[in-house]
N, C-alpha and C. Protein backbone atom coordinates (compact mmCIF):
# COMPACT_ATOMS: atom_id res chain seq x y z
N MET A 1 21.16 -13.52 -13.93
CA MET A 1 20.82 -13.10 -12.56
C MET A 1 19.81 -13.24 -12.71
N THR A 2 18.90 -13.71 -13.27
CA THR A 2 17.64 -14.95 -13.52
C THR A 2 17.52 -15.80 -12.20
N GLU A 3 18.15 -16.95 -12.83
CA GLU A 3 18.20 -18.20 -12.31
C GLU A 3 18.79 -18.00 -10.97
N TYR A 4 19.68 -16.80 -10.67
CA TYR A 4 19.87 -16.77 -9.49
C TYR A 4 19.10 -15.66 -7.95
N LEU A 5 17.84 -15.37 -8.53
CA LEU A 5 16.74 -14.67 -8.04
C LEU A 5 15.55 -14.55 -8.41
N SER A 6 14.31 -15.24 -7.08
CA SER A 6 13.63 -15.68 -6.66
C SER A 6 12.55 -14.40 -7.42
N PRO A 7 11.45 -14.44 -7.72
CA PRO A 7 10.54 -13.43 -8.51
C PRO A 7 10.05 -12.95 -6.59
N PHE A 8 9.90 -13.59 -5.66
CA PHE A 8 9.54 -13.04 -4.58
C PHE A 8 10.63 -12.01 -4.02
N ALA A 9 11.84 -12.41 -4.29
CA ALA A 9 12.84 -12.13 -3.97
C ALA A 9 13.14 -10.49 -4.88
N ALA A 10 13.02 -10.39 -6.09
CA ALA A 10 13.08 -9.81 -6.82
C ALA A 10 11.77 -8.69 -6.22
N ASP A 11 10.77 -9.51 -5.76
CA ASP A 11 9.66 -8.13 -5.99
C ASP A 11 10.38 -7.16 -4.88
N LEU A 12 10.79 -7.93 -3.58
CA LEU A 12 11.48 -7.54 -2.28
C LEU A 12 12.34 -6.37 -3.08
N ILE A 13 13.42 -6.58 -3.56
CA ILE A 13 14.10 -5.63 -4.08
C ILE A 13 13.48 -5.00 -4.86
N GLY A 14 12.83 -4.89 -5.20
CA GLY A 14 11.85 -3.69 -6.68
C GLY A 14 11.09 -3.09 -5.28
N PHE A 15 10.68 -3.23 -4.44
CA PHE A 15 9.47 -2.48 -3.18
C PHE A 15 10.72 -1.64 -2.17
N ALA A 16 12.42 -1.81 -2.11
CA ALA A 16 13.32 -1.20 -1.58
C ALA A 16 13.43 -0.05 -2.59
N GLY A 17 13.54 -0.39 -4.21
CA GLY A 17 13.91 0.47 -4.67
C GLY A 17 12.82 1.47 -4.89
N SER A 18 11.97 1.55 -4.84
CA SER A 18 10.26 2.14 -4.30
C SER A 18 10.58 2.80 -4.09
N PHE A 19 10.76 2.32 -2.45
CA PHE A 19 10.99 3.05 -1.10
C PHE A 19 12.05 4.25 -1.79
N PHE A 20 13.08 3.78 -2.36
CA PHE A 20 14.05 5.04 -1.86
C PHE A 20 13.71 6.54 -2.93
N ILE A 21 13.21 5.78 -4.30
CA ILE A 21 12.50 6.68 -5.29
C ILE A 21 11.47 7.96 -4.01
N VAL A 22 10.22 6.94 -3.74
CA VAL A 22 9.24 7.77 -3.06
C VAL A 22 9.99 8.51 -1.95
N ALA A 23 10.97 8.08 -1.20
CA ALA A 23 11.52 9.19 -0.21
C ALA A 23 12.45 10.12 -0.55
N ALA A 24 12.81 9.62 -1.28
CA ALA A 24 13.86 11.04 -2.14
C ALA A 24 13.24 12.28 -2.63
N PHE A 25 11.52 11.71 -3.37
CA PHE A 25 10.41 12.74 -4.02
C PHE A 25 9.65 13.27 -2.55
N ALA A 26 9.66 12.24 -1.38
CA ALA A 26 8.99 13.14 0.03
C ALA A 26 9.69 14.32 0.24
N TYR A 27 11.08 14.14 0.16
CA TYR A 27 12.25 14.70 1.17
C TYR A 27 12.48 15.65 0.22
N SER A 28 12.29 15.97 -0.93
CA SER A 28 12.43 17.30 -1.67
C SER A 28 11.31 18.30 -1.68
N ASN A 29 10.16 17.74 -1.13
CA ASN A 29 9.08 18.31 -1.26
C ASN A 29 9.18 19.03 0.31
N LEU A 30 9.40 18.20 1.12
CA LEU A 30 9.83 18.49 2.46
C LEU A 30 10.44 19.64 3.36
N THR A 31 11.22 19.82 2.62
CA THR A 31 12.22 20.27 3.33
C THR A 31 13.02 21.63 2.88
N ALA A 32 13.31 22.55 3.29
CA ALA A 32 13.31 23.50 2.81
C ALA A 32 14.63 23.87 2.08
N GLN A 33 15.79 23.39 2.40
CA GLN A 33 17.37 23.55 1.58
C GLN A 33 17.52 21.58 1.33
N ILE A 34 17.18 20.94 -0.15
CA ILE A 34 17.86 19.69 -0.25
C ILE A 34 19.20 19.47 -0.01
N ASN A 35 19.74 18.39 0.18
CA ASN A 35 21.06 18.06 0.39
C ASN A 35 21.15 17.35 -0.95
N ALA A 36 21.35 18.07 -2.27
CA ALA A 36 21.49 17.26 -3.86
C ALA A 36 21.97 16.00 -3.54
N TYR A 37 23.13 15.80 -2.58
CA TYR A 37 24.39 14.67 -3.02
C TYR A 37 22.89 13.20 -2.83
N TRP A 38 22.95 13.34 -1.64
CA TRP A 38 21.91 12.19 -0.53
C TRP A 38 20.64 11.96 -1.47
N PHE A 39 20.25 13.05 -2.14
CA PHE A 39 19.10 13.29 -2.82
C PHE A 39 19.51 12.73 -4.45
N ASN A 40 20.69 12.13 -4.66
CA ASN A 40 20.84 11.73 -5.66
C ASN A 40 20.83 10.69 -5.62
N VAL A 41 21.71 10.57 -4.83
CA VAL A 41 22.45 8.70 -4.06
C VAL A 41 20.95 7.85 -3.92
N ALA A 42 19.98 8.17 -3.12
CA ALA A 42 19.02 7.69 -2.64
C ALA A 42 18.03 7.30 -4.38
N ASN A 43 17.99 8.28 -5.11
CA ASN A 43 17.37 8.11 -6.54
C ASN A 43 18.15 7.03 -7.27
N PHE A 44 19.61 7.21 -7.11
CA PHE A 44 19.98 5.70 -8.20
C PHE A 44 20.20 4.53 -7.53
N LEU A 45 19.78 5.00 -5.82
CA LEU A 45 19.83 3.36 -5.88
C LEU A 45 18.45 2.81 -5.70
N GLY A 46 17.21 3.61 -5.66
CA GLY A 46 16.25 2.93 -6.26
C GLY A 46 16.26 3.06 -7.64
N ALA A 47 16.48 3.31 -8.29
CA ALA A 47 16.42 3.16 -9.75
C ALA A 47 17.35 2.19 -9.83
N ALA A 48 18.52 2.02 -9.27
CA ALA A 48 19.48 0.33 -8.97
C ALA A 48 18.81 -0.77 -8.89
N LEU A 49 17.91 -0.71 -7.66
CA LEU A 49 17.19 -1.91 -7.03
C LEU A 49 16.31 -2.54 -8.06
N LEU A 50 15.36 -1.22 -8.41
CA LEU A 50 14.60 -1.35 -9.20
C LEU A 50 14.67 -2.10 -10.60
N THR A 51 15.62 -1.90 -11.27
CA THR A 51 16.90 -2.31 -12.36
C THR A 51 16.66 -3.74 -11.97
N ILE A 52 17.58 -3.88 -11.27
CA ILE A 52 17.39 -5.67 -10.87
C ILE A 52 16.14 -6.27 -10.43
N SER A 53 15.49 -5.81 -9.90
CA SER A 53 14.02 -6.32 -9.88
C SER A 53 13.06 -6.77 -11.34
N LEU A 54 13.69 -5.75 -12.16
CA LEU A 54 13.28 -5.87 -13.40
C LEU A 54 14.11 -6.84 -14.14
N THR A 55 15.07 -7.19 -13.86
CA THR A 55 15.63 -8.75 -15.06
C THR A 55 14.85 -9.57 -14.23
N VAL A 56 13.99 -9.83 -13.36
CA VAL A 56 13.24 -11.43 -13.53
C VAL A 56 11.82 -10.69 -14.24
N ASN A 57 11.39 -10.04 -13.11
CA ASN A 57 10.03 -9.36 -14.12
C ASN A 57 10.51 -7.97 -14.87
N PHE A 58 10.68 -8.86 -16.11
CA PHE A 58 10.69 -7.87 -16.99
C PHE A 58 9.89 -6.73 -17.73
N ASN A 59 10.35 -5.39 -18.01
CA ASN A 59 9.15 -4.79 -18.96
C ASN A 59 10.04 -3.80 -19.39
N LEU A 60 10.12 -3.69 -21.23
CA LEU A 60 10.97 -3.09 -21.43
C LEU A 60 11.30 -1.15 -21.18
N PRO A 61 9.74 -0.77 -21.07
CA PRO A 61 9.95 0.68 -20.97
C PRO A 61 10.36 1.06 -19.20
N THR A 62 9.82 0.67 -18.62
CA THR A 62 9.93 0.37 -17.50
C THR A 62 11.92 0.36 -16.86
N MET A 63 12.41 -0.31 -17.56
CA MET A 63 14.12 -0.97 -17.89
C MET A 63 14.63 0.56 -18.37
N VAL A 64 14.02 0.69 -19.59
CA VAL A 64 14.78 1.91 -20.06
C VAL A 64 14.72 2.96 -19.06
N LEU A 65 13.02 3.52 -18.59
CA LEU A 65 13.17 4.62 -17.86
C LEU A 65 14.34 4.53 -16.56
N GLU A 66 14.05 2.97 -15.60
CA GLU A 66 14.98 3.46 -14.68
C GLU A 66 16.39 3.26 -15.16
N ILE A 67 16.89 2.84 -15.87
CA ILE A 67 18.44 3.17 -16.70
C ILE A 67 18.72 4.74 -17.11
N VAL A 68 17.48 5.52 -17.32
CA VAL A 68 18.12 7.08 -17.61
C VAL A 68 17.45 7.65 -16.16
N TRP A 69 17.09 7.14 -15.53
CA TRP A 69 16.93 7.70 -14.22
C TRP A 69 18.07 7.69 -13.34
N MET A 70 18.64 6.23 -13.43
CA MET A 70 20.18 6.04 -12.75
C MET A 70 21.47 7.14 -13.64
N ALA A 71 21.14 7.16 -14.74
CA ALA A 71 22.27 8.58 -15.39
C ALA A 71 21.57 9.31 -15.12
N ILE A 72 20.47 9.99 -14.87
CA ILE A 72 20.57 11.17 -14.46
C ILE A 72 21.14 11.55 -12.58
N ALA A 73 20.66 10.73 -12.07
CA ALA A 73 21.17 10.91 -10.94
C ALA A 73 22.62 10.83 -10.98
N LEU A 74 23.71 9.99 -11.43
CA LEU A 74 24.81 9.93 -11.32
C LEU A 74 25.25 11.20 -11.58
N PHE A 75 24.22 12.16 -12.76
CA PHE A 75 24.96 13.35 -13.03
C PHE A 75 24.79 14.02 -12.04
N GLY A 76 24.26 13.69 -11.37
CA GLY A 76 23.24 15.06 -10.08
C GLY A 76 24.49 14.92 -9.03
N ILE A 77 25.10 13.22 -8.77
CA ILE A 77 25.95 12.63 -7.72
C ILE A 77 27.18 13.53 -7.83
N ILE A 78 27.54 13.39 -9.21
CA ILE A 78 29.09 13.93 -9.67
C ILE A 78 29.05 15.48 -10.05
N LYS A 79 27.59 16.11 -9.40
CA LYS A 79 27.41 17.55 -9.92
C LYS A 79 28.03 18.25 -8.35
N ALA A 80 27.30 17.10 -7.20
CA ALA A 80 27.09 17.86 -6.19
C ALA A 80 28.76 17.62 -5.54
N LEU A 81 29.14 16.22 -6.25
CA LEU A 81 30.83 16.35 -5.44
C LEU A 81 31.52 17.08 -5.84
N MET A 82 31.21 17.76 -7.02
CA MET A 82 32.59 18.89 -7.96
C MET A 82 31.78 20.15 -6.79
N ALA A 83 30.63 20.71 -6.62
CA ALA A 83 29.84 21.55 -5.66
C ALA A 83 31.21 21.50 -4.78
N ARG A 84 30.83 19.97 -3.47
CA ARG A 84 31.32 20.37 -2.47
C ARG A 84 33.05 20.83 -2.41
N ARG A 85 33.52 20.23 -3.33
CA ARG A 85 35.14 20.07 -4.12
C ARG A 85 35.49 21.87 -4.08
N ALA A 86 34.67 22.10 -4.82
CA ALA A 86 34.46 23.77 -5.33
C ALA A 86 34.36 24.70 -4.31
N LYS A 87 33.79 24.48 -3.24
CA LYS A 87 33.15 25.05 -2.13
C LYS A 87 34.63 25.07 -1.56
N PRO A 88 34.96 26.68 -0.50
CA PRO A 88 36.19 26.56 0.13
C PRO A 88 36.26 26.71 1.30
N SER A 89 37.15 25.32 2.29
CA SER A 89 36.57 25.16 3.81
C SER A 89 36.55 26.21 4.59
N PRO A 90 35.53 25.98 5.75
CA PRO A 90 35.74 26.65 6.77
C PRO A 90 37.45 27.48 7.41
N ALA A 91 38.25 26.89 6.96
CA ALA A 91 39.17 27.27 7.52
C ALA A 91 40.21 28.07 6.84
N GLU A 92 39.46 27.93 5.30
CA GLU A 92 40.11 28.86 4.40
C GLU A 92 39.97 30.33 4.81
């Protein structure tokens, strides 16, 4: 992938990923009731974008962190989706 992505583009993608993670963190601190699904989607997307940027600007500890971050966020997404399905609909 590095031959297709310029360092400048990698930086822009990395900044977008950082934005999503910081926005999710701010959201979790500013809202009284968090939407776990969207919180984890934002974290997953942010970590994925940062991982893409790290294919150009490689840093092993940060790459490991982002992969673990995505795994935790994916777990949270699945957990939130399962909770939605378990909740009875208003019509029932």
